[in-house]
Amino acid sequence: MSVQKVALITASSAGLGAQVARILAPDFRVVINYSSNQTRAQSLIDELSKAPSTHSSLQTPRFHFLQADVSSKASVEKLVQDTVKTMGRLDVVVSNAGWTRMTNFLNIDEGVNEDDWDRCFVMNVKTHLWLAYAAKDALTESEGTFISTASVAGVKPSGSSLPYAVTKAAQIHLAKGLAVILAPKIRVNSVSPGMMLTEWGLKFPESKRQKAVENTKLKRLATVEDVADQIRTLALSRSVTGQNLCIDGGSSL
């Protein structure tokens, strides 16, 4: 009987995280993490439970949800401990949490808000480090993989705010650093989506969304399905580490 691998996805009750859960559900047992909306997490698990599995003999639980405030190091550590305790192993971590505040990127006065810098550093850099560190023993044992969700704003100065762009660049470099440090047992990569029309992306004014489409070479924005498919590819690959995959229709070229 093939071993059923386990994936933990942070910030996964909606949006990209939920789509990653959907795309991994046939092949992985999945832990959904949410910060406050338990009802949304439960409804996602109800949906996932109807999905077919590639495994003939199902280990239980197949799906599980855990609340955690990923801006707290202790909470992140407990999230990993509870995942391993409940599921018995850990093979894939998708570190999907992040934070920004909508500003005018070109207005330097809006780009020097210290609270924004502090929160962006916690949510876009430190939480990913804490999660990788907490999961390293379990991932070493399974020769697993760690994937973090960055942004094209970390590749090309752009996006919702200056602190967001700078901390996303740091997040991408963190993934490369971890790929060096945690080799050869653990593979570490990041994905950098362009603008996606999620609940968050729809907060951008229509003019900005239209300009984002025009700025792509393919004249289309990436969808959560596009990005989740690439995360699955990285989760299954045995040979890719230290890479940042831009899923942006060519807008960063």
Protein backbone atom coordinates (compact mmCIF):
# COMPACT_ATOMS: atom_id res chain seq x y z
CA MET A 1 0.00 0.00 0.00
CA SER A 2 1.39 3.42 -0.92
CA VAL A 3 1.95 5.82 1.94
CA GLN A 4 -0.48 8.69 2.08
CA LYS A 5 1.49 11.89 2.34
CA VAL A 6 0.34 14.87 4.39
CA ALA A 7 0.21 18.53 3.37
CA LEU A 8 -0.22 21.51 5.72
CA ILE A 9 -1.46 24.72 4.09
CA THR A 10 -1.56 27.95 6.07
CA ALA A 11 -4.25 30.59 5.46
CA SER A 12 -6.20 28.01 3.49
CA SER A 13 -9.90 28.40 4.29
CA ALA A 14 -10.42 30.61 1.20
CA GLY A 15 -8.74 32.07 -1.87
CA LEU A 16 -5.47 30.59 -3.12
CA GLY A 17 -4.95 28.43 -0.03
CA ALA A 18 -8.32 26.74 -0.50
CA GLN A 19 -7.58 26.08 -4.16
CA VAL A 20 -4.23 24.52 -3.21
CA ALA A 21 -6.14 22.25 -0.82
CA ARG A 22 -8.50 21.25 -3.65
CA ILE A 23 -5.66 20.44 -6.03
CA LEU A 24 -3.73 18.41 -3.42
CA ALA A 25 -6.76 16.60 -1.95
CA PRO A 26 -6.78 13.63 -4.37
CA ASP A 27 -3.15 12.69 -3.56
CA PHE A 28 -2.55 14.06 -0.06
CA ARG A 29 -4.15 14.10 3.34
CA VAL A 30 -4.59 17.82 4.02
CA VAL A 31 -4.54 20.07 7.07
CA ILE A 32 -6.39 23.36 6.60
CA ASN A 33 -5.26 26.29 8.74
CA TYR A 34 -7.49 29.27 9.46
CA SER A 35 -7.11 32.32 11.71
CA SER A 36 -10.70 33.09 12.74
CA ASN A 37 -13.33 31.75 10.33
CA GLN A 38 -13.96 28.16 11.49
CA THR A 39 -17.23 27.92 9.55
CA ARG A 40 -15.42 28.59 6.27
CA ALA A 41 -12.73 26.03 7.14
CA GLN A 42 -15.38 23.41 7.95
CA SER A 43 -17.29 24.03 4.73
CA LEU A 44 -14.05 23.58 2.74
CA ILE A 45 -13.40 20.26 4.49
CA ASP A 46 -16.97 19.19 3.72
CA GLU A 47 -16.30 20.00 0.06
CA LEU A 48 -12.92 18.22 0.03
CA SER A 49 -14.41 15.11 1.62
CA LYS A 50 -16.48 14.57 -1.52
CA ALA A 51 -13.39 14.59 -3.73
CA PRO A 52 -12.15 11.22 -5.03
CA SER A 53 -8.85 9.92 -3.66
CA THR A 54 -6.05 8.22 -5.61
CA HIS A 55 -5.53 5.91 -2.62
CA SER A 56 -7.58 2.74 -2.39
CA SER A 57 -7.02 2.39 1.35
CA LEU A 58 -7.71 5.69 3.10
CA GLN A 59 -5.91 6.60 6.29
CA THR A 60 -7.79 8.80 8.74
CA PRO A 61 -8.28 11.58 9.24
CA ARG A 62 -8.10 12.43 5.57
CA PHE A 63 -8.73 16.12 6.27
CA HIS A 64 -8.35 18.19 9.41
CA PHE A 65 -8.47 21.88 10.29
CA LEU A 66 -6.44 23.77 12.89
CA GLN A 67 -6.77 27.35 14.09
CA ALA A 68 -3.54 29.31 14.40
CA ASP A 69 -2.47 32.94 14.46
CA VAL A 70 0.55 32.74 12.19
CA SER A 71 1.79 36.16 13.36
CA SER A 72 2.73 34.38 16.63
CA LYS A 73 5.83 32.17 16.68
CA ALA A 74 4.41 30.01 19.49
CA SER A 75 1.17 29.55 17.55
CA VAL A 76 3.10 28.47 14.43
CA GLU A 77 5.10 25.94 16.46
CA LYS A 78 1.91 24.50 17.96
CA LEU A 79 0.31 24.31 14.50
CA VAL A 80 3.10 22.03 13.29
CA GLN A 81 3.11 19.94 16.48
CA ASP A 82 -0.65 19.43 16.27
CA THR A 83 -0.43 18.55 12.57
CA VAL A 84 2.17 15.83 13.15
CA LYS A 85 0.34 14.56 16.24
CA THR A 86 -2.99 14.27 14.40
CA MET A 87 -1.79 13.12 10.96
CA GLY A 88 1.32 11.13 11.96
CA ARG A 89 3.69 12.74 9.46
CA LEU A 90 4.29 15.85 7.35
CA ASP A 91 5.48 15.90 3.75
CA VAL A 92 4.48 19.24 2.22
CA VAL A 93 4.14 22.66 3.82
CA VAL A 94 2.55 25.46 1.79
CA SER A 95 3.27 28.68 3.68
CA ASN A 96 0.55 30.84 2.21
CA ALA A 97 -0.04 33.60 4.78
CA GLY A 98 0.82 37.21 4.04
CA TRP A 99 -0.27 40.77 4.70
CA THR A 100 -0.38 44.18 3.07
CA ARG A 101 -2.33 47.40 3.19
CA MET A 102 -3.67 49.07 0.07
CA THR A 103 -1.69 52.25 -0.64
CA ASN A 104 -0.51 54.30 -3.61
CA PHE A 105 2.85 52.61 -4.32
CA LEU A 106 4.25 55.78 -5.91
CA ASN A 107 3.48 57.99 -2.87
CA ILE A 108 6.57 57.86 -0.63
CA ASP A 109 4.64 59.40 2.27
CA GLU A 110 2.40 56.32 2.27
CA GLY A 111 5.46 54.08 2.01
CA VAL A 112 7.06 55.03 5.33
CA ASN A 113 4.33 53.90 7.73
CA GLU A 114 6.24 52.04 10.46
CA ASP A 115 3.29 49.86 11.46
CA ASP A 116 3.02 48.66 7.85
CA TRP A 117 6.74 47.80 7.77
CA ASP A 118 6.58 45.93 11.07
CA ARG A 119 3.48 43.93 10.16
CA CYS A 120 4.75 43.19 6.65
CA PHE A 121 8.03 41.86 8.05
CA VAL A 122 6.22 39.59 10.49
CA MET A 123 3.66 38.27 7.99
CA ASN A 124 5.74 38.18 4.81
CA VAL A 125 9.11 37.09 6.20
CA LYS A 126 9.22 35.93 9.82
CA THR A 127 6.15 33.68 9.78
CA HIS A 128 7.63 31.70 6.86
CA LEU A 129 10.92 31.30 8.73
CA TRP A 130 9.11 30.18 11.91
CA LEU A 131 7.05 27.66 9.95
CA ALA A 132 10.04 26.21 8.09
CA TYR A 133 11.98 25.93 11.33
CA ALA A 134 9.09 24.28 13.18
CA ALA A 135 8.53 21.79 10.33
CA LYS A 136 12.17 20.98 9.54
CA ASP A 137 12.43 17.76 11.58
CA ALA A 138 9.22 16.28 10.16
CA LEU A 139 10.15 17.36 6.61
CA THR A 140 13.66 15.93 7.00
CA GLU A 141 12.15 12.59 8.00
CA SER A 142 9.83 12.54 4.97
CA GLU A 143 12.34 14.22 2.61
CA GLY A 144 9.57 16.72 2.03
CA THR A 145 9.13 20.16 0.59
CA PHE A 146 8.39 23.70 1.79
CA ILE A 147 6.72 26.17 -0.60
CA SER A 148 5.95 29.78 0.26
CA THR A 149 3.59 32.15 -1.53
CA ALA A 150 5.47 35.34 -2.38
CA SER A 151 4.50 37.90 -5.06
CA VAL A 152 5.66 39.39 -8.32
CA ALA A 153 5.87 42.62 -6.26
CA GLY A 154 9.00 41.06 -4.73
CA VAL A 155 10.57 40.69 -8.19
CA LYS A 156 9.52 43.95 -9.85
CA PRO A 157 8.90 47.02 -7.61
CA SER A 158 5.10 47.24 -7.73
CA GLY A 159 1.96 46.20 -5.91
CA SER A 160 -0.06 47.44 -2.99
CA SER A 161 2.71 49.08 -0.95
CA LEU A 162 6.46 49.63 -0.68
CA PRO A 163 6.79 47.60 2.55
CA TYR A 164 4.89 44.75 0.88
CA ALA A 165 7.18 44.74 -2.18
CA VAL A 166 10.37 44.89 -0.09
CA THR A 167 9.29 42.17 2.34
CA LYS A 168 8.15 39.93 -0.52
CA ALA A 169 11.65 40.31 -2.02
CA ALA A 170 13.01 39.29 1.38
CA GLN A 171 10.64 36.31 1.46
CA ILE A 172 11.93 35.11 -1.92
CA HIS A 173 15.52 35.40 -0.72
CA LEU A 174 14.60 33.63 2.52
CA ALA A 175 13.33 30.66 0.49
CA LYS A 176 16.64 30.54 -1.41
CA GLY A 177 18.58 30.71 1.87
CA LEU A 178 16.49 27.92 3.40
CA ALA A 179 16.98 25.83 0.25
CA VAL A 180 20.74 25.99 0.85
CA ILE A 181 20.51 25.39 4.62
CA LEU A 182 17.92 22.58 4.61
CA ALA A 183 19.39 20.60 1.68
CA PRO A 184 19.73 17.77 0.84
CA LYS A 185 16.66 16.39 2.61
CA ILE A 186 14.20 19.30 2.17
CA ARG A 187 13.37 21.20 -1.01
CA VAL A 188 12.38 24.87 -0.58
CA ASN A 189 10.81 27.03 -3.29
CA SER A 190 8.55 30.06 -3.64
CA VAL A 191 5.84 31.07 -6.09
CA SER A 192 5.25 34.68 -7.09
CA PRO A 193 1.80 35.31 -8.51
CA GLY A 194 0.92 38.51 -10.29
CA MET A 195 -2.39 40.17 -9.46
CA MET A 196 -5.15 37.60 -8.94
CA LEU A 197 -8.82 38.53 -8.78
CA THR A 198 -9.37 36.99 -5.36
CA GLU A 199 -11.37 38.67 -2.60
CA TRP A 200 -8.22 40.75 -2.05
CA GLY A 201 -7.42 41.47 -5.71
CA LEU A 202 -10.93 42.77 -6.29
CA LYS A 203 -10.19 45.58 -3.83
CA PHE A 204 -7.96 47.20 -6.44
CA PRO A 205 -9.84 49.81 -8.51
CA GLU A 206 -11.05 48.62 -11.90
CA SER A 207 -8.56 50.93 -13.66
CA LYS A 208 -5.64 49.31 -11.83
CA ARG A 209 -6.92 45.82 -12.60
CA GLN A 210 -7.25 46.69 -16.29
CA LYS A 211 -3.74 48.17 -16.33
CA ALA A 212 -2.43 44.97 -14.69
CA VAL A 213 -3.91 42.94 -17.58
CA GLU A 214 -2.33 45.29 -20.14
CA ASN A 215 1.05 44.98 -18.37
CA THR A 216 1.12 41.22 -18.94
CA LYS A 217 2.60 39.73 -22.10
CA LEU A 218 -0.22 37.18 -22.28
CA LYS A 219 -2.97 39.78 -21.75
CA ARG A 220 -4.46 37.77 -18.91
CA LEU A 221 -4.08 37.67 -15.15
CA ALA A 222 -3.06 34.49 -13.37
CA THR A 223 -5.91 32.69 -11.65
CA VAL A 224 -5.82 30.89 -8.31
CA GLU A 225 -6.14 27.66 -10.34
CA ASP A 226 -2.99 28.55 -12.34
CA VAL A 227 -1.01 29.22 -9.17
CA ALA A 228 -2.31 26.15 -7.30
CA ASP A 229 -1.36 23.94 -10.26
CA GLN A 230 2.22 25.21 -10.08
CA ILE A 231 2.35 24.69 -6.31
CA ARG A 232 1.28 21.08 -6.90
CA THR A 233 4.07 20.71 -9.48
CA LEU A 234 6.62 21.95 -6.94
CA ALA A 235 5.16 19.67 -4.26
CA LEU A 236 5.66 16.62 -6.49
CA SER A 237 9.02 17.54 -8.01
CA ARG A 238 12.10 15.78 -6.62
CA SER A 239 14.65 17.99 -8.38
CA VAL A 240 13.64 21.64 -7.91
CA THR A 241 14.90 23.73 -4.99
CA GLY A 242 15.79 27.35 -4.40
CA GLN A 243 13.57 28.57 -7.23
CA ASN A 244 11.05 31.40 -7.39
CA LEU A 245 8.34 30.72 -9.94
CA CYS A 246 6.72 33.86 -11.39
CA ILE A 247 3.11 33.15 -12.38
CA ASP A 248 2.27 36.53 -13.76
CA GLY A 249 1.48 36.34 -17.47
CA GLY A 250 4.93 37.80 -18.13
CA SER A 251 4.31 41.09 -16.33
CA SER A 252 7.73 40.97 -14.64
CA LEU A 253 9.60 40.62 -17.95
